[in-house]
């Protein structure tokens, strides 16, 4: 990647509440903790640390929320990718802790938005939809699990007819409604949280890509024009971390893309999504969609494509959108963009240490909005010496992917073909 860069040409960048810019790091500074990466993981960690009185410095290679945190589908969905593997690894005694953690990110986001007045179009309401009978069985099992745990939020199964009347499409044979999940404007959330971190005393530096880290009792994190000497470092670049090849060899960089239509008319909104819900299908090569605050349809999905050309993105996603919503054929598409998510081979989020005082977190497999906020709290706990939840993830050794840094696109293409075939079975 060429540094530094401004935000991609997304709907989110075009509708950002403000365009606050932070200085580039120049010279040498000191801090208790140096956080590398100003996406959800890094900013959430910085807030939790600053709230506890730590002196925090955040380094961002480009702009706050430049990566997946400012480009994603904006779907706030509970759950931790690889949860079953984690439970199997640690045993049934961890099930209650995992259940609590799968919802913790929601709590953090809602509390933070309310406490600090962050304007990010936060809405409640979400549908998991079914395409095949096996998907319905999975949704029935999820419904039973919610009931078994005494889940306090609203949830219910929808028939084919109820699904059709709720989201105006015949593409699905049923759905599971969850009123605790929801959606939001991710870039406005991330930028708003960055302002919170700064207000609490954290120092944020943009356009300051990290070149190296020197380990020791004090960590020295170096950029082209300066360095941070800190007691601890937290590496939170996820799929946009490029300086440490060891970490990049532990996940597949998978591309996901989104188109934003022109604003829908009130009649179109009443037809396709009158309840303003987020929707996601169960496929690996998945599709997801929702309405923006100004009533555009934001439609996204994974594609076997790795570029940034808006016209190519439109050509890939428009037919898929029209397959779900033929009534929107011919509608204008005002924005098209993409981003990269980190997908570990075992799908388990990767938390660990490169040294006793250097922590890292990455690999959320597309569940980042919720999980990154939980991970920010876990990393802050770890810096403070409380490792119970950190060790749940760190106890599962990441799987190295040979050749990932050289043949990533080819391997992802093969994986997309394989999982695309599985989706169709």
Protein backbone atom coordinates (compact mmCIF):
# COMPACT_ATOMS: atom_id res chain seq x y z
CA UNK A 1 0.00 0.00 0.00
CA UNK A 2 1.13 3.54 -0.78
CA UNK A 3 1.04 5.87 2.22
CA UNK A 4 -0.61 8.11 3.12
CA UNK A 5 -4.09 7.94 1.60
CA UNK A 6 -7.39 9.71 2.09
CA UNK A 7 -10.70 7.89 2.51
CA UNK A 8 -12.07 5.75 -0.29
CA UNK A 9 -14.89 7.21 -2.40
CA UNK A 10 -17.65 5.64 -0.32
CA UNK A 11 -21.10 6.85 0.66
CA UNK A 12 -19.82 6.96 4.22
CA UNK A 13 -16.98 9.34 3.39
CA UNK A 14 -19.36 11.53 1.41
CA UNK A 15 -21.84 11.69 4.31
CA UNK A 16 -19.37 12.00 7.19
CA UNK A 17 -20.41 14.35 9.97
CA UNK A 18 -17.07 16.12 9.81
CA UNK A 19 -13.61 15.66 8.41
CA UNK A 20 -11.45 16.19 11.47
CA UNK A 21 -7.78 15.74 10.77
CA UNK A 22 -5.05 14.96 13.25
CA UNK A 23 -1.40 15.91 12.99
CA UNK A 24 1.35 13.70 11.61
CA UNK A 25 3.78 12.40 14.25
CA UNK A 26 7.03 14.34 14.15
CA UNK A 27 9.79 13.84 16.67
CA UNK A 28 9.93 11.63 19.73
CA UNK A 29 7.08 11.30 22.24
CA UNK A 30 6.42 9.07 25.25
CA UNK A 31 3.25 7.34 26.42
CA UNK A 32 2.05 4.54 28.64
CA UNK A 33 0.55 2.75 25.62
CA UNK A 34 1.09 3.18 21.89
CA UNK A 35 -1.86 1.91 19.81
CA UNK A 36 -1.15 1.23 16.13
CA UNK A 37 -4.27 1.61 14.00
CA UNK A 38 -7.18 4.03 14.32
CA UNK A 39 -10.03 1.74 13.35
CA UNK A 40 -12.61 0.31 15.73
CA UNK A 41 -10.14 -1.95 17.57
CA UNK A 42 -7.51 0.73 18.12
CA UNK A 43 -9.89 3.55 18.98
CA UNK A 44 -12.00 1.39 21.27
CA UNK A 45 -8.85 0.24 23.08
CA UNK A 46 -7.68 3.85 23.39
CA UNK A 47 -10.99 4.94 24.94
CA UNK A 48 -11.01 2.15 27.50
CA UNK A 49 -7.39 2.90 28.44
CA UNK A 50 -7.91 6.67 28.59
CA UNK A 51 -11.01 6.22 30.74
CA UNK A 52 -8.78 4.31 33.19
CA UNK A 53 -6.18 7.08 33.28
CA UNK A 54 -3.56 5.73 30.89
CA UNK A 55 -1.55 8.10 28.72
CA UNK A 56 -2.32 6.81 25.21
CA UNK A 57 -0.87 7.60 21.79
CA UNK A 58 -2.60 6.33 18.61
CA UNK A 59 -0.76 6.08 15.27
CA UNK A 60 -2.75 5.79 12.04
CA UNK A 61 -1.14 5.28 8.64
CA UNK A 62 -3.91 7.11 6.76
CA UNK A 63 -7.09 8.58 8.33
CA UNK A 64 -9.21 7.52 11.30
CA UNK A 65 -11.51 4.73 10.06
CA UNK A 66 -9.65 4.43 6.74
CA UNK A 67 -9.83 0.62 6.61
CA UNK A 68 -12.70 -1.78 7.16
CA UNK A 69 -14.00 0.19 10.15
CA UNK A 70 -15.03 3.06 7.87
CA UNK A 71 -16.07 1.01 4.82
CA UNK A 72 -18.13 -1.93 6.12
CA UNK A 73 -21.81 -2.73 5.76
CA UNK A 74 -22.65 -1.02 9.04
CA UNK A 75 -24.38 -4.13 10.36
CA UNK A 76 -24.17 -4.53 14.13
CA UNK A 77 -24.54 -8.30 14.49
CA UNK A 78 -23.93 -10.30 17.65
CA UNK A 79 -21.64 -13.28 17.68
CA UNK A 80 -17.99 -14.16 17.42
CA UNK A 81 -16.72 -15.95 14.35
CA UNK A 82 -15.35 -19.37 15.23
CA UNK A 83 -17.31 -19.45 18.48
CA UNK A 84 -17.93 -23.19 18.25
CA UNK A 85 -14.21 -23.85 17.78
CA UNK A 86 -13.41 -21.73 20.82
CA UNK A 87 -15.93 -23.60 22.97
CA UNK A 88 -14.68 -26.97 21.72
CA UNK A 89 -11.09 -25.98 22.50
CA UNK A 90 -11.80 -24.81 26.06
CA UNK A 91 -14.68 -27.11 26.94
CA UNK A 92 -18.34 -26.58 27.89
CA UNK A 93 -17.42 -24.63 31.02
CA UNK A 94 -16.78 -21.58 28.84
CA UNK A 95 -20.22 -21.49 27.19
CA UNK A 96 -21.70 -18.86 29.55
CA UNK A 97 -18.68 -16.58 29.11
CA UNK A 98 -18.85 -16.94 25.33
CA UNK A 99 -22.58 -16.17 25.35
CA UNK A 100 -21.98 -12.99 27.34
CA UNK A 101 -19.10 -11.92 25.10
CA UNK A 102 -21.07 -12.38 21.89
CA UNK A 103 -23.35 -9.49 22.96
CA UNK A 104 -20.80 -7.31 24.75
CA UNK A 105 -19.89 -5.22 21.70
CA UNK A 106 -23.53 -4.13 21.34
CA UNK A 107 -23.57 -2.97 24.95
CA UNK A 108 -20.33 -1.05 24.51
CA UNK A 109 -21.50 0.69 21.34
CA UNK A 110 -24.89 1.66 22.72
CA UNK A 111 -23.47 2.89 26.02
CA UNK A 112 -20.75 4.89 24.27
CA UNK A 113 -23.13 6.45 21.75
CA UNK A 114 -25.47 7.48 24.57
CA UNK A 115 -22.79 8.66 26.99
CA UNK A 116 -20.83 10.75 24.52
CA UNK A 117 -23.59 11.76 22.13
CA UNK A 118 -22.08 10.16 19.00
CA UNK A 119 -24.27 10.76 15.93
CA UNK A 120 -23.98 7.59 13.83
CA UNK A 121 -27.56 6.72 12.77
CA UNK A 122 -27.76 3.81 15.21
CA UNK A 123 -30.89 1.73 14.57
CA UNK A 124 -32.23 -1.54 16.00
CA UNK A 125 -33.59 -4.46 14.01
CA UNK A 126 -32.00 -7.21 11.92
CA UNK A 127 -32.98 -10.25 9.84
CA UNK A 128 -31.03 -13.42 9.21
CA UNK A 129 -32.65 -14.77 6.05
CA UNK A 130 -32.89 -18.32 4.69
CA UNK A 131 -32.40 -19.35 1.07
CA UNK A 132 -32.57 -23.13 1.51
CA UNK A 133 -34.27 -25.55 3.87
CA UNK A 134 -30.99 -26.21 5.70
CA UNK A 135 -30.80 -22.47 6.43
CA UNK A 136 -34.25 -22.63 8.01
CA UNK A 137 -33.10 -25.45 10.26
CA UNK A 138 -30.11 -23.34 11.33
CA UNK A 139 -32.40 -20.39 12.11
CA UNK A 140 -34.69 -22.64 14.14
CA UNK A 141 -31.64 -23.82 16.12
CA UNK A 142 -30.59 -20.19 16.69
CA UNK A 143 -34.11 -19.35 17.87
CA UNK A 144 -34.03 -22.30 20.29
CA UNK A 145 -30.65 -21.17 21.60
CA UNK A 146 -31.95 -17.65 22.27
CA UNK A 147 -34.91 -19.15 24.13
CA UNK A 148 -32.68 -21.52 26.11
CA UNK A 149 -30.51 -18.64 27.31
CA UNK A 150 -33.53 -16.56 28.28
CA UNK A 151 -32.57 -13.82 25.83
CA UNK A 152 -34.24 -10.58 26.90
CA UNK A 153 -34.40 -8.93 23.48
CA UNK A 154 -37.15 -9.35 20.91
CA UNK A 155 -36.71 -12.26 18.50
CA UNK A 156 -39.03 -14.35 16.36
CA UNK A 157 -39.08 -16.62 13.33
CA UNK A 158 -40.74 -15.34 10.16
CA UNK A 159 -42.47 -17.47 7.53
CA UNK A 160 -41.87 -17.04 3.82
CA UNK A 161 -44.93 -14.78 3.60
CA UNK A 162 -43.92 -12.72 6.63
CA UNK A 163 -40.41 -12.33 5.24
CA UNK A 164 -41.84 -11.18 1.90
CA UNK A 165 -44.06 -8.55 3.54
CA UNK A 166 -41.21 -7.36 5.81
CA UNK A 167 -38.50 -6.82 3.18
CA UNK A 168 -40.38 -6.89 -0.11
CA UNK A 169 -38.64 -9.78 -1.86
CA UNK A 170 -39.34 -13.39 -2.81
CA UNK A 171 -35.66 -14.30 -2.60
CA UNK A 172 -35.95 -15.92 0.84
CA UNK A 173 -38.04 -18.71 2.37
CA UNK A 174 -37.95 -17.47 5.95
CA UNK A 175 -36.04 -15.37 8.45
CA UNK A 176 -35.11 -14.83 12.08
CA UNK A 177 -35.79 -11.34 13.41
CA UNK A 178 -33.55 -10.02 16.17
CA UNK A 179 -34.35 -6.61 17.64
CA UNK A 180 -31.07 -6.32 19.57
CA UNK A 181 -28.92 -6.44 16.45
CA UNK A 182 -29.04 -3.39 14.23
CA UNK A 183 -27.13 -1.06 11.94
CA UNK A 184 -25.26 2.24 11.90
CA UNK A 185 -23.00 4.61 9.95
CA UNK A 186 -19.61 3.02 10.70
CA UNK A 187 -17.34 5.90 9.71
CA UNK A 188 -19.33 8.37 11.79
CA UNK A 189 -19.14 5.97 14.72
CA UNK A 190 -15.36 5.53 14.37
CA UNK A 191 -14.70 9.25 13.88
CA UNK A 192 -17.00 10.06 16.79
CA UNK A 193 -15.17 7.60 19.01
CA UNK A 194 -11.86 9.14 17.94
CA UNK A 195 -13.10 12.53 19.13
CA UNK A 196 -14.07 10.89 22.42
CA UNK A 197 -10.59 9.38 22.79
CA UNK A 198 -9.01 12.78 22.11
CA UNK A 199 -11.32 14.46 24.62
CA UNK A 200 -10.14 11.96 27.23
CA UNK A 201 -6.51 12.90 26.60
CA UNK A 202 -5.42 10.37 24.00
CA UNK A 203 -3.08 11.78 21.36
CA UNK A 204 -4.00 10.80 17.81
CA UNK A 205 -1.63 11.03 14.86
CA UNK A 206 -2.75 10.42 11.27
CA UNK A 207 -0.67 9.85 8.13
CA UNK A 208 1.93 8.25 10.37
CA UNK A 209 2.51 4.70 9.12
CA UNK A 210 4.58 2.53 11.44
CA UNK A 211 7.80 1.21 9.94
CA UNK A 212 9.19 -0.85 12.78
CA UNK A 213 8.97 -1.75 16.46
CA UNK A 214 11.99 -2.14 18.70
CA UNK A 215 11.21 -4.46 21.60
CA UNK A 216 12.39 -4.14 25.16
CA UNK A 217 11.19 -3.04 28.58
CA UNK A 218 10.20 0.12 26.74
CA UNK A 219 8.81 -0.33 23.25
CA UNK A 220 9.94 2.05 20.51
CA UNK A 221 7.39 2.38 17.68
CA UNK A 222 8.96 4.19 14.74
CA UNK A 223 7.45 6.10 11.80
CA UNK A 224 9.19 7.98 9.00
CA UNK A 225 9.28 11.22 10.98
CA UNK A 226 9.16 10.21 14.62
CA UNK A 227 8.77 7.55 17.25
CA UNK A 228 6.77 6.69 20.34
CA UNK A 229 8.45 5.24 23.41
CA UNK A 230 5.88 3.36 25.46
CA UNK A 231 5.53 0.79 28.21
CA UNK A 232 3.08 -1.17 26.04
CA UNK A 233 2.10 -1.37 22.39
CA UNK A 234 -1.15 -2.61 20.88
CA UNK A 235 -1.19 -3.57 17.18
CA UNK A 236 -4.69 -3.05 15.82
CA UNK A 237 -4.31 -2.75 12.05
CA UNK A 238 -6.21 -5.95 11.19
CA UNK A 239 -6.21 -6.46 7.39
CA UNK A 240 -4.59 -3.03 6.92
CA UNK A 241 -1.48 -3.83 8.95
CA UNK A 242 1.40 -4.13 6.52
CA UNK A 243 4.66 -3.73 8.44
CA UNK A 244 4.60 -7.08 10.28
CA UNK A 245 4.64 -10.00 7.83
CA UNK A 246 4.31 -12.57 10.60
CA UNK A 247 0.86 -11.27 11.48
CA UNK A 248 -0.22 -10.94 7.84
CA UNK A 249 0.60 -14.60 7.23
CA UNK A 250 -2.12 -15.62 9.68
CA UNK A 251 -5.21 -14.63 7.67
CA UNK A 252 -6.66 -14.36 4.18
CA UNK A 253 -7.29 -10.76 3.02
CA UNK A 254 -10.82 -11.10 1.61
CA UNK A 255 -12.42 -8.26 -0.33
CA UNK A 256 -16.00 -7.14 0.22
CA UNK A 257 -17.86 -4.53 -1.81
CA UNK A 258 -20.86 -2.23 -1.43
CA UNK A 259 -23.01 -0.14 -3.73
CA UNK A 260 -25.26 2.71 -2.61
CA UNK A 261 -28.26 3.57 -4.75
CA UNK A 262 -29.77 6.97 -5.18
CA UNK A 263 -32.25 7.85 -2.42
CA UNK A 264 -35.41 5.75 -2.62
CA UNK A 265 -38.83 7.33 -2.81
CA UNK A 266 -41.19 6.86 0.16
CA UNK A 267 -43.14 4.37 -1.96
CA UNK A 268 -40.00 2.34 -2.68
CA UNK A 269 -39.01 2.36 0.99
CA UNK A 270 -42.47 1.12 1.94
CA UNK A 271 -42.06 -1.70 -0.57
CA UNK A 272 -38.53 -2.94 0.16
CA UNK A 273 -37.80 -2.18 3.83
CA UNK A 274 -40.53 -0.34 5.72
CA UNK A 275 -39.17 -1.39 9.13
CA UNK A 276 -35.64 -0.12 8.37
CA UNK A 277 -33.93 -3.45 9.12
CA UNK A 278 -30.46 -4.74 8.34
CA UNK A 279 -30.49 -8.02 6.39
CA UNK A 280 -27.83 -10.68 5.81
CA UNK A 281 -27.95 -14.05 4.09
CA UNK A 282 -26.15 -17.19 5.40
CA UNK A 283 -23.80 -17.87 2.49
CA UNK A 284 -20.02 -17.63 2.67
CA UNK A 285 -20.09 -15.59 -0.55
CA UNK A 286 -22.74 -13.60 1.20
CA UNK A 287 -24.98 -10.64 0.46
CA UNK A 288 -26.15 -8.03 2.96
CA UNK A 289 -28.18 -4.86 2.70
CA UNK A 290 -29.91 -2.10 4.62
CA UNK A 291 -31.13 1.46 4.22
CA UNK A 292 -28.99 4.48 5.00
CA UNK A 293 -30.38 7.37 7.03
CA UNK A 294 -31.27 9.18 3.80
CA UNK A 295 -32.96 6.03 2.44
CA UNK A 296 -30.45 4.71 -0.05
CA UNK A 297 -30.21 0.96 -0.39
CA UNK A 298 -26.72 -0.09 0.67
CA UNK A 299 -26.15 -3.51 -0.90
CA UNK A 300 -22.96 -5.44 -0.32
CA UNK A 301 -21.31 -8.78 -0.90
CA UNK A 302 -18.09 -10.66 -1.35
CA UNK A 303 -16.81 -10.91 -4.91
CA UNK A 304 -14.03 -12.73 -6.71
CA UNK A 305 -12.45 -9.37 -7.54
CA UNK A 306 -9.61 -7.48 -5.88
CA UNK A 307 -9.62 -3.99 -7.39
CA UNK A 308 -11.14 -0.61 -6.59
CA UNK A 309 -12.80 0.33 -9.90
CA UNK A 310 -16.32 1.64 -9.08
CA UNK A 311 -17.66 0.60 -12.49
CA UNK A 312 -16.45 -2.96 -12.01
CA UNK A 313 -17.99 -3.04 -8.53
CA UNK A 314 -21.30 -1.79 -9.95
CA UNK A 315 -21.21 -4.43 -12.67
CA UNK A 316 -20.63 -7.18 -10.08
CA UNK A 317 -23.22 -6.11 -7.51
CA UNK A 318 -26.06 -4.56 -9.53
CA UNK A 319 -27.24 -7.94 -10.95
CA UNK A 320 -27.18 -9.44 -7.46
CA UNK A 321 -29.15 -6.53 -6.03
CA UNK A 322 -31.69 -6.78 -8.85
CA UNK A 323 -32.04 -10.52 -8.26
CA UNK A 324 -33.22 -9.69 -4.74
CA UNK A 325 -35.11 -6.55 -5.74
CA UNK A 326 -36.17 -6.69 -9.40
CA UNK A 327 -38.42 -3.70 -8.69
CA UNK A 328 -35.25 -1.59 -8.35
CA UNK A 329 -33.94 -2.43 -11.83
CA UNK A 330 -32.61 0.69 -13.48
CA UNK A 331 -32.24 2.66 -10.25
CA UNK A 332 -29.22 4.95 -10.10
CA UNK A 333 -26.16 3.82 -8.18
CA UNK A 334 -24.34 6.81 -6.73
CA UNK A 335 -21.45 5.11 -4.89
CA UNK A 336 -19.46 1.89 -5.21
CA UNK A 337 -16.48 0.93 -3.06
CA UNK A 338 -14.67 -1.95 -1.44
CA UNK A 339 -12.50 -2.90 1.48
CA UNK A 340 -10.54 -5.79 2.95
CA UNK A 341 -11.45 -8.03 5.87
CA UNK A 342 -9.11 -10.47 7.61
CA UNK A 343 -10.33 -14.08 7.64
CA UNK A 344 -8.23 -16.62 9.59
CA UNK A 345 -8.21 -20.20 8.35
CA UNK A 346 -10.07 -21.38 11.47
CA UNK A 347 -12.22 -18.20 11.57
CA UNK A 348 -11.25 -17.54 15.23
CA UNK A 349 -10.31 -13.91 16.06
CA UNK A 350 -6.60 -13.72 16.76
CA UNK A 351 -5.47 -12.10 20.01
CA UNK A 352 -1.96 -12.59 21.28
CA UNK A 353 1.43 -11.10 22.06
CA UNK A 354 4.56 -10.55 20.03
CA UNK A 355 6.41 -9.76 23.27
CA UNK A 356 5.39 -9.51 26.92
CA UNK A 357 4.37 -5.87 26.43
CA UNK A 358 3.23 -5.97 22.77
CA UNK A 359 -0.33 -7.14 22.15
CA UNK A 360 -2.17 -7.62 18.86
CA UNK A 361 -5.70 -8.34 17.66
CA UNK A 362 -6.98 -9.17 14.17
CA UNK A 363 -9.06 -11.55 12.09
CA UNK A 364 -12.76 -10.85 12.74
CA UNK A 365 -14.03 -12.57 9.57
CA UNK A 366 -16.60 -9.88 8.82
CA UNK A 367 -18.04 -9.62 12.35
CA UNK A 368 -15.97 -6.56 13.13
CA UNK A 369 -18.45 -3.89 14.23
CA UNK A 370 -19.48 -5.83 17.32
CA UNK A 371 -16.34 -7.83 18.07
CA UNK A 372 -13.82 -4.98 17.71
CA UNK A 373 -15.51 -3.09 20.51
CA UNK A 374 -15.38 -6.14 22.76
CA UNK A 375 -11.73 -6.66 21.82
CA UNK A 376 -10.92 -3.05 22.72
CA UNK A 377 -12.14 -3.76 26.24
CA UNK A 378 -10.25 -7.07 26.39
CA UNK A 379 -6.99 -5.45 25.25
CA UNK A 380 -7.34 -2.66 27.79
CA UNK A 381 -7.89 -5.31 30.47
CA UNK A 382 -4.77 -7.14 29.27
CA UNK A 383 -2.61 -4.01 29.46
CA UNK A 384 -3.91 -3.54 33.00
CA UNK A 385 -2.97 -7.13 33.88
CA UNK A 386 -6.37 -8.87 33.67
CA UNK A 387 -6.03 -11.67 31.13
CA UNK A 388 -9.05 -13.94 31.65
CA UNK A 389 -10.90 -13.03 28.44
CA UNK A 390 -7.70 -12.35 26.51
CA UNK A 391 -6.51 -15.89 27.21
CA UNK A 392 -9.75 -17.35 25.82
CA UNK A 393 -8.56 -16.24 22.37
CA UNK A 394 -4.80 -16.26 22.89
CA UNK A 395 -5.01 -19.91 23.97
CA UNK A 396 -5.91 -20.92 20.41
CA UNK A 397 -2.77 -20.88 18.31
CA UNK A 398 -3.18 -19.01 15.00
CA UNK A 399 -2.70 -21.10 11.87
CA UNK A 400 0.01 -19.76 9.62
CA UNK A 401 -0.90 -19.69 5.92
CA UNK A 402 2.23 -20.41 3.82
CA UNK A 403 2.60 -18.01 0.90
CA UNK A 404 -0.21 -15.76 2.11
CA UNK A 405 1.76 -12.57 1.49
CA UNK A 406 2.67 -13.58 -2.09
CA UNK A 407 -0.29 -15.62 -3.35
CA UNK A 408 -3.14 -14.13 -1.31
CA UNK A 409 -5.37 -13.21 -4.25
CA UNK A 410 -4.95 -16.59 -5.93
CA UNK A 411 -5.71 -18.49 -2.72
CA UNK A 412 -8.74 -16.32 -1.96
CA UNK A 413 -10.02 -16.86 -5.52
CA UNK A 414 -9.80 -20.62 -5.08
CA UNK A 415 -11.53 -20.32 -1.71
CA UNK A 416 -14.32 -18.21 -3.21
CA UNK A 417 -14.86 -20.83 -5.92
CA UNK A 418 -14.95 -23.63 -3.35
CA UNK A 419 -17.32 -21.88 -0.97
CA UNK A 420 -19.45 -20.63 -3.84
CA UNK A 421 -20.02 -24.25 -4.84
CA UNK A 422 -20.85 -25.16 -1.23
CA UNK A 423 -23.33 -22.27 -1.04
CA UNK A 424 -25.17 -23.66 -4.06
CA UNK A 425 -25.50 -27.18 -2.67
